[in-house]
Amino acid sequence: MGNIIQIKERVRFLLMGILMVAGAIFLMGATTEKPIIENGRYQLSAWGDGQAHGAFVIDSVSGETRIVYMYKELEDGKSMVKNNLNKPFSQAY
């Protein structure tokens, strides 16, 4: 009699586990949008010439190029910095 109760209890826990796993899989996979994968679309290039250095990003789909970072020493001891590191590609000039 005790053996039958153990079997019923194990079956109940097994079914509960299966339902929990199935529910988690269902909820994790529930999405209506497909992710946009653009691997290789944006390419980074860096440059320097001894007086200035910087980096720019190239959009290989549209052909646009944006300066991301530029630093240049000016003649009067001042410097010029262009920093678009935290801006989206569409806002970087």
C-alpha atoms as a PDB file:
ATOM      1  CA  MET A   1       0.000   0.000   0.000  1.00  0.00           C
ATOM      2  CA  GLY A   2       2.834   2.390   0.892  1.00  0.00           C
ATOM      3  CA  ASN A   3       4.560   1.563  -2.389  1.00  0.00           C
ATOM      4  CA  ILE A   4       1.518   2.637  -4.446  1.00  0.00           C
ATOM      5  CA  ILE A   5       1.340   5.976  -2.604  1.00  0.00           C
ATOM      6  CA  GLN A   6       5.027   6.628  -3.374  1.00  0.00           C
ATOM      7  CA  ILE A   7       4.475   5.852  -7.049  1.00  0.00           C
ATOM      8  CA  LYS A   8       1.446   8.197  -7.236  1.00  0.00           C
ATOM      9  CA  GLU A   9       3.434  10.945  -5.508  1.00  0.00           C
ATOM     10  CA  ARG A  10       6.385  10.556  -7.895  1.00  0.00           C
ATOM     11  CA  VAL A  11       4.080  10.603 -10.931  1.00  0.00           C
ATOM     12  CA  ARG A  12       2.395  13.758  -9.604  1.00  0.00           C
ATOM     13  CA  PHE A  13       5.765  15.505  -9.098  1.00  0.00           C
ATOM     14  CA  LEU A  14       6.935  14.342 -12.534  1.00  0.00           C
ATOM     15  CA  LEU A  15       3.824  15.786 -14.216  1.00  0.00           C
ATOM     16  CA  MET A  16       4.171  19.045 -12.278  1.00  0.00           C
ATOM     17  CA  GLY A  17       7.811  19.292 -13.375  1.00  0.00           C
ATOM     18  CA  ILE A  18       6.905  18.650 -17.003  1.00  0.00           C
ATOM     19  CA  LEU A  19       4.201  21.339 -16.856  1.00  0.00           C
ATOM     20  CA  MET A  20       6.577  23.837 -15.274  1.00  0.00           C
ATOM     21  CA  VAL A  21       9.279  23.241 -17.887  1.00  0.00           C
ATOM     22  CA  ALA A  22       6.752  23.387 -20.747  1.00  0.00           C
ATOM     23  CA  GLY A  23       5.331  26.642 -19.341  1.00  0.00           C
ATOM     24  CA  ALA A  24       8.788  28.203 -19.052  1.00  0.00           C
ATOM     25  CA  ILE A  25       9.684  27.188 -22.615  1.00  0.00           C
ATOM     26  CA  PHE A  26       6.385  28.563 -23.886  1.00  0.00           C
ATOM     27  CA  LEU A  27       6.836  31.897 -22.114  1.00  0.00           C
ATOM     28  CA  MET A  28      10.470  32.329 -23.159  1.00  0.00           C
ATOM     29  CA  GLY A  29       9.707  31.668 -26.787  1.00  0.00           C
ATOM     30  CA  ALA A  30       6.662  33.928 -26.965  1.00  0.00           C
ATOM     31  CA  THR A  31       7.555  36.805 -29.272  1.00  0.00           C
ATOM     32  CA  THR A  32       5.944  38.488 -32.229  1.00  0.00           C
ATOM     33  CA  GLU A  33       8.998  40.260 -33.603  1.00  0.00           C
ATOM     34  CA  LYS A  34      11.885  38.653 -35.394  1.00  0.00           C
ATOM     35  CA  PRO A  35      15.265  39.967 -34.235  1.00  0.00           C
ATOM     36  CA  ILE A  36      17.156  42.058 -36.747  1.00  0.00           C
ATOM     37  CA  ILE A  37      20.593  40.606 -37.234  1.00  0.00           C
ATOM     38  CA  GLU A  38      22.958  42.972 -38.949  1.00  0.00           C
ATOM     39  CA  ASN A  39      26.290  41.266 -38.444  1.00  0.00           C
ATOM     40  CA  GLY A  40      28.961  43.023 -40.431  1.00  0.00           C
ATOM     41  CA  ARG A  41      26.826  46.046 -41.340  1.00  0.00           C
ATOM     42  CA  TYR A  42      28.886  48.562 -39.368  1.00  0.00           C
ATOM     43  CA  GLN A  43      32.661  48.610 -39.637  1.00  0.00           C
ATOM     44  CA  LEU A  44      35.107  50.605 -37.548  1.00  0.00           C
ATOM     45  CA  SER A  45      38.303  52.188 -38.768  1.00  0.00           C
ATOM     46  CA  ALA A  46      40.913  54.128 -36.799  1.00  0.00           C
ATOM     47  CA  TRP A  47      43.454  56.623 -38.072  1.00  0.00           C
ATOM     48  CA  GLY A  48      46.330  58.744 -36.841  1.00  0.00           C
ATOM     49  CA  ASP A  49      49.045  60.938 -38.353  1.00  0.00           C
ATOM     50  CA  GLY A  50      51.164  62.079 -35.402  1.00  0.00           C
ATOM     51  CA  GLN A  51      49.201  65.291 -34.835  1.00  0.00           C
ATOM     52  CA  ALA A  52      45.670  63.914 -34.783  1.00  0.00           C
ATOM     53  CA  HIS A  53      43.957  60.597 -34.242  1.00  0.00           C
ATOM     54  CA  GLY A  54      40.424  59.272 -34.304  1.00  0.00           C
ATOM     55  CA  ALA A  55      37.970  56.639 -35.407  1.00  0.00           C
ATOM     56  CA  PHE A  56      35.023  56.495 -37.749  1.00  0.00           C
ATOM     57  CA  VAL A  57      32.215  54.056 -38.465  1.00  0.00           C
ATOM     58  CA  ILE A  58      31.159  52.954 -41.932  1.00  0.00           C
ATOM     59  CA  ASP A  59      27.621  51.726 -42.678  1.00  0.00           C
ATOM     60  CA  SER A  60      28.327  49.132 -45.365  1.00  0.00           C
ATOM     61  CA  VAL A  61      24.656  49.009 -46.455  1.00  0.00           C
ATOM     62  CA  SER A  62      24.096  52.728 -47.121  1.00  0.00           C
ATOM     63  CA  GLY A  63      27.747  53.757 -47.589  1.00  0.00           C
ATOM     64  CA  GLU A  64      27.543  56.495 -44.950  1.00  0.00           C
ATOM     65  CA  THR A  65      30.595  57.325 -42.852  1.00  0.00           C
ATOM     66  CA  ARG A  66      30.454  59.030 -39.456  1.00  0.00           C
ATOM     67  CA  ILE A  67      33.281  60.313 -37.279  1.00  0.00           C
ATOM     68  CA  VAL A  68      33.005  58.718 -33.859  1.00  0.00           C
ATOM     69  CA  TYR A  69      36.020  60.264 -32.197  1.00  0.00           C
ATOM     70  CA  MET A  70      38.651  62.786 -33.271  1.00  0.00           C
ATOM     71  CA  TYR A  71      41.420  64.543 -31.333  1.00  0.00           C
ATOM     72  CA  LYS A  72      43.797  67.060 -32.890  1.00  0.00           C
ATOM     73  CA  GLU A  73      46.505  69.315 -31.453  1.00  0.00           C
ATOM     74  CA  LEU A  74      46.161  72.844 -32.842  1.00  0.00           C
ATOM     75  CA  GLU A  75      49.049  75.258 -33.441  1.00  0.00           C
ATOM     76  CA  ASP A  76      48.318  77.564 -30.483  1.00  0.00           C
ATOM     77  CA  GLY A  77      48.593  74.745 -27.928  1.00  0.00           C
ATOM     78  CA  LYS A  78      44.868  74.099 -27.814  1.00  0.00           C
ATOM     79  CA  SER A  79      43.182  70.916 -28.883  1.00  0.00           C
ATOM     80  CA  MET A  80      40.079  70.046 -30.847  1.00  0.00           C
ATOM     81  CA  VAL A  81      37.990  67.054 -29.810  1.00  0.00           C
ATOM     82  CA  LYS A  82      34.978  65.600 -31.545  1.00  0.00           C
ATOM     83  CA  ASN A  83      33.304  62.903 -29.490  1.00  0.00           C
ATOM     84  CA  ASN A  84      30.203  61.061 -30.702  1.00  0.00           C
ATOM     85  CA  LEU A  85      30.840  57.862 -28.727  1.00  0.00           C
ATOM     86  CA  ASN A  86      27.451  57.768 -26.966  1.00  0.00           C
ATOM     87  CA  LYS A  87      25.318  58.881 -29.915  1.00  0.00           C
ATOM     88  CA  PRO A  88      23.419  56.607 -32.320  1.00  0.00           C
ATOM     89  CA  PHE A  89      24.872  56.295 -35.810  1.00  0.00           C
ATOM     90  CA  SER A  90      22.127  58.506 -37.273  1.00  0.00           C
ATOM     91  CA  GLN A  91      23.079  61.403 -34.947  1.00  0.00           C
ATOM     92  CA  ALA A  92      26.886  61.266 -35.236  1.00  0.00           C
ATOM     93  CA  TYR A  93      28.279  63.867 -37.645  1.00  0.00           C
END
